């Protein structure tokens, strides 16, 4: 009888371990669900990590044809020129560059900026003037 229990336990343990491998792969796919995208449009800054001297949470960034308009809540807009090529956005006046990636989480388009040369990651959600901001 103990051989049957041991064999059954090994079978269940094997199935469990095998299912973890598939579950882990699915979670990784969800987390890394990068999608094609473009910076063009309006985006709201929802998360900041690293060195953050010149950005503010809730900033609305609008990118269009090489001109970025950046507006912190309750502040005056700032206009900056930029270039965007091969998933790298560079502000021309400062030379600060970001590697840009896009993802979608729960139906929300996200744009992630990773700075080159400094520790900074900025996460933006696609912004619509129809939304109520938090």
Protein backbone atom coordinates (compact mmCIF):
# COMPACT_ATOMS: atom_id res chain seq x y z
CA UNK A 1 0.00 0.00 0.00
CA UNK A 2 2.82 2.45 0.73
CA UNK A 3 4.21 1.85 -2.78
CA UNK A 4 0.86 2.99 -4.22
CA UNK A 5 0.88 6.12 -2.05
CA UNK A 6 4.50 6.89 -2.94
CA UNK A 7 3.85 6.32 -6.64
CA UNK A 8 0.70 8.47 -6.49
CA UNK A 9 2.56 11.21 -4.61
CA UNK A 10 5.37 11.19 -7.20
CA UNK A 11 2.81 11.40 -10.00
CA UNK A 12 0.99 14.34 -8.38
CA UNK A 13 4.29 16.07 -7.59
CA UNK A 14 5.43 15.61 -11.21
CA UNK A 15 2.19 17.08 -12.57
CA UNK A 16 2.45 19.99 -10.11
CA UNK A 17 6.05 20.76 -11.08
CA UNK A 18 5.22 20.52 -14.78
CA UNK A 19 2.29 22.92 -14.35
CA UNK A 20 4.57 25.43 -12.61
CA UNK A 21 6.80 25.51 -15.66
CA UNK A 22 3.85 26.43 -17.90
CA UNK A 23 2.42 28.89 -15.39
CA UNK A 24 5.78 30.61 -15.04
CA UNK A 25 6.14 30.90 -18.81
CA UNK A 26 2.63 32.38 -19.09
CA UNK A 27 3.37 34.95 -16.35
CA UNK A 28 6.56 35.93 -18.12
CA UNK A 29 4.63 36.37 -21.37
CA UNK A 30 2.12 38.62 -19.63
CA UNK A 31 4.82 40.70 -17.95
CA UNK A 32 6.80 41.03 -21.15
CA UNK A 33 3.81 41.62 -23.41
CA UNK A 34 5.61 44.28 -25.39
CA UNK A 35 3.59 45.66 -28.23
CA UNK A 36 4.46 47.84 -31.17
CA UNK A 37 3.83 51.48 -30.53
CA UNK A 38 4.64 55.07 -31.28
CA UNK A 39 5.30 57.98 -28.96
CA UNK A 40 2.90 60.17 -30.93
CA UNK A 41 -0.05 61.25 -28.80
CA UNK A 42 -0.65 62.21 -25.19
CA UNK A 43 0.62 60.21 -22.23
CA UNK A 44 0.26 60.62 -18.46
CA UNK A 45 3.19 59.85 -16.17
CA UNK A 46 2.00 57.23 -13.67
CA UNK A 47 5.26 55.84 -12.25
CA UNK A 48 8.78 57.22 -11.71
CA UNK A 49 11.91 55.37 -10.65
CA UNK A 50 15.48 56.63 -10.20
CA UNK A 51 16.73 60.18 -10.64
CA UNK A 52 13.69 62.39 -11.10
CA UNK A 53 14.74 66.03 -10.82
CA UNK A 54 12.80 67.39 -13.80
CA UNK A 55 9.60 65.33 -13.95
CA UNK A 56 6.45 65.19 -11.87
CA UNK A 57 3.91 62.46 -11.30
CA UNK A 58 0.77 63.16 -13.31
CA UNK A 59 2.68 65.04 -16.02
CA UNK A 60 0.90 65.02 -19.38
CA UNK A 61 3.39 64.58 -22.22
CA UNK A 62 2.21 65.16 -25.78
CA UNK A 63 4.54 64.09 -28.58
CA UNK A 64 3.91 65.18 -32.16
CA UNK A 65 6.30 65.55 -35.12
CA UNK A 66 9.43 66.31 -33.10
CA UNK A 67 7.79 68.61 -30.55
CA UNK A 68 7.01 67.50 -27.00
CA UNK A 69 4.71 69.53 -24.78
CA UNK A 70 5.19 68.60 -21.12
CA UNK A 71 2.73 69.84 -18.50
CA UNK A 72 2.79 69.08 -14.79
CA UNK A 73 -0.54 69.44 -12.97
CA UNK A 74 -1.12 73.10 -12.11
CA UNK A 75 2.03 74.26 -13.93
CA UNK A 76 2.88 75.99 -17.19
CA UNK A 77 3.64 73.78 -20.18
CA UNK A 78 7.21 73.30 -21.36
CA UNK A 79 7.96 72.68 -25.04
CA UNK A 80 10.98 70.59 -26.07
CA UNK A 81 12.22 69.33 -29.41
CA UNK A 82 12.93 65.62 -29.74
CA UNK A 83 13.97 62.99 -32.22
CA UNK A 84 12.60 59.45 -32.23
CA UNK A 85 14.25 56.66 -34.16
CA UNK A 86 14.80 52.92 -33.57
CA UNK A 87 12.90 53.08 -30.25
CA UNK A 88 15.16 55.82 -28.88
CA UNK A 89 13.75 59.23 -27.99
CA UNK A 90 16.31 62.02 -27.54
CA UNK A 91 15.52 65.53 -26.31
CA UNK A 92 17.65 67.65 -28.65
CA UNK A 93 18.32 70.56 -26.25
CA UNK A 94 19.72 68.37 -23.45
CA UNK A 95 20.87 65.28 -25.32
CA UNK A 96 19.10 63.06 -22.76
CA UNK A 97 18.06 59.81 -24.46
CA UNK A 98 15.51 57.19 -23.51
CA UNK A 99 15.02 53.69 -24.85
CA UNK A 100 11.27 53.43 -25.39
CA UNK A 101 9.17 50.28 -25.11
CA UNK A 102 5.44 49.74 -25.20
CA UNK A 103 3.20 47.28 -23.41
CA UNK A 104 -0.44 46.82 -22.59
CA UNK A 105 -1.75 45.94 -19.13
CA UNK A 106 -5.46 45.30 -18.57
CA UNK A 107 -6.29 47.07 -21.82
CA UNK A 108 -4.22 50.18 -20.98
CA UNK A 109 -1.45 51.15 -23.40
CA UNK A 110 1.78 51.93 -21.57
CA UNK A 111 4.98 53.58 -22.72
CA UNK A 112 8.17 53.00 -20.73
CA UNK A 113 11.19 55.30 -20.95
CA UNK A 114 14.56 53.94 -19.77
CA UNK A 115 17.21 56.64 -19.61
CA UNK A 116 20.63 56.16 -21.12
CA UNK A 117 23.49 57.03 -18.80
CA UNK A 118 21.38 57.81 -15.71
CA UNK A 119 19.19 55.69 -13.49
CA UNK A 120 15.66 56.62 -14.52
CA UNK A 121 12.58 54.69 -15.64
CA UNK A 122 9.38 56.57 -16.46
CA UNK A 123 6.09 54.80 -17.12
CA UNK A 124 3.33 56.60 -18.98
CA UNK A 125 -0.27 55.54 -19.65
CA UNK A 126 -1.99 56.55 -22.89
CA UNK A 127 -3.95 59.66 -22.04
CA UNK A 128 -7.34 60.71 -23.30
CA UNK A 129 -8.93 64.06 -22.56
CA UNK A 130 -12.14 62.08 -21.97
CA UNK A 131 -10.57 60.39 -18.90
CA UNK A 132 -10.89 61.73 -15.39
CA UNK A 133 -7.36 62.09 -14.02
CA UNK A 134 -6.56 60.83 -10.56
